[in-house]
Amino acid sequence: MKAKVALLAGFGLLAACGTVESQSSSTIVVDGRSYEVRERIINGPSGPYAHTSVRVRGNYVSCLPDSPGDCEAAVRAGRDRPDDF
C-alpha cells in the first residue's frame, strides 16, 4: 500500500514539473515480444526536454533511445521487477 501511495505522489510531482507539448509512439521487439516506446516533449521550468519510456507490464520505464540497448535493458528490468515496487 505504501508503494502505491508513493507512486501516486510521484505522479503528482511529475505533473507539477511541466506540461506535455507532444507525444509520439513506436515499438521495439525484445525477446520476440513487442513493447510500446513513448517519447514526450515536455515544457518544463527550464524549457522543453524529451523524455522516453517503454511500457512494460502496464508501467512506463524510462530509457535512453540514443544509448544502444538501453530501452531493451529497461524492458528486461521492468519484466523482472516485483509487482509491488
Protein backbone atom coordinates (compact mmCIF):
# COMPACT_ATOMS: atom_id res chain seq x y z
CA MET A 1 0.00 0.00 0.00
CA LYS A 2 2.81 2.43 0.86
CA ALA A 3 4.38 1.85 -2.55
CA LYS A 4 1.13 2.79 -4.32
CA VAL A 5 0.80 5.98 -2.28
CA ALA A 6 4.42 6.91 -3.06
CA LEU A 7 3.83 6.17 -6.74
CA LEU A 8 0.74 8.39 -6.84
CA ALA A 9 2.64 11.17 -5.06
CA GLY A 10 5.41 10.85 -7.65
CA PHE A 11 2.90 11.25 -10.48
CA GLY A 12 1.64 14.42 -8.81
CA LEU A 13 5.16 15.82 -8.66
CA LEU A 14 5.78 15.00 -12.31
CA ALA A 15 2.59 16.74 -13.33
CA ALA A 16 3.71 19.88 -11.50
CA CYS A 17 7.06 19.94 -13.34
CA GLY A 18 5.76 20.68 -16.83
CA THR A 19 3.17 20.08 -19.50
CA VAL A 20 3.35 17.59 -22.33
CA GLU A 21 3.71 19.51 -25.59
CA SER A 22 3.72 16.49 -27.90
CA GLN A 23 3.88 12.73 -27.78
CA SER A 24 4.80 10.00 -30.26
CA SER A 25 4.84 6.23 -30.03
CA SER A 26 6.75 3.42 -31.68
CA THR A 27 7.53 -0.19 -30.81
CA ILE A 28 10.58 -2.29 -30.07
CA VAL A 29 10.84 -6.06 -30.03
CA VAL A 30 12.64 -7.69 -27.13
CA ASP A 31 12.91 -11.48 -26.89
CA GLY A 32 10.18 -11.88 -29.52
CA ARG A 33 7.61 -9.58 -27.85
CA SER A 34 6.61 -6.04 -28.87
CA TYR A 35 6.70 -3.14 -26.42
CA GLU A 36 5.42 0.42 -26.84
CA VAL A 37 8.05 3.15 -26.70
CA ARG A 38 6.69 6.61 -25.88
CA GLU A 39 8.57 9.85 -26.45
CA ARG A 40 7.20 13.02 -24.93
CA ILE A 41 8.34 16.59 -25.34
CA ILE A 42 7.72 18.28 -22.00
CA ASN A 43 7.72 22.02 -21.48
CA GLY A 44 9.50 22.29 -18.13
CA PRO A 45 10.62 25.24 -16.00
CA SER A 46 13.97 25.39 -17.84
CA GLY A 47 12.47 24.89 -21.30
CA PRO A 48 11.39 21.89 -23.37
CA TYR A 49 13.03 18.49 -22.97
CA ALA A 50 12.45 14.98 -24.30
CA HIS A 51 11.53 12.04 -22.09
CA THR A 52 11.41 8.49 -23.46
CA SER A 53 9.89 5.48 -21.74
CA VAL A 54 8.87 1.95 -22.63
CA ARG A 55 5.67 0.27 -21.42
CA VAL A 56 6.28 -2.94 -19.51
CA ARG A 57 3.53 -4.79 -17.64
CA GLY A 58 1.34 -1.67 -17.68
CA ASN A 59 4.04 0.65 -16.31
CA TYR A 60 6.32 3.07 -18.14
CA VAL A 61 10.07 2.65 -17.53
CA SER A 62 12.42 5.47 -18.56
CA CYS A 63 15.08 4.71 -21.14
CA LEU A 64 17.63 6.48 -23.34
CA PRO A 65 16.96 5.72 -27.02
CA ASP A 66 20.33 7.16 -28.10
CA SER A 67 22.17 4.72 -25.84
CA PRO A 68 22.43 1.35 -27.66
CA GLY A 69 20.46 -1.34 -25.87
CA ASP A 70 19.14 0.91 -23.08
CA CYS A 71 15.44 0.58 -23.90
CA GLU A 72 15.83 -3.18 -24.29
CA ALA A 73 17.56 -3.31 -20.89
CA ALA A 74 14.71 -1.24 -19.42
CA VAL A 75 12.21 -3.81 -20.75
CA ARG A 76 14.11 -6.67 -19.16
CA ALA A 77 14.45 -4.80 -15.85
CA GLY A 78 10.74 -3.95 -15.91
CA ARG A 79 9.78 -7.57 -16.53
CA ASP A 80 11.91 -8.70 -13.58
CA ARG A 81 10.61 -6.02 -11.19
CA PRO A 82 8.24 -7.23 -8.46
CA ASP A 83 4.58 -6.24 -8.84
CA ASP A 84 4.58 -4.12 -5.68
CA PHE A 85 7.52 -1.80 -6.46
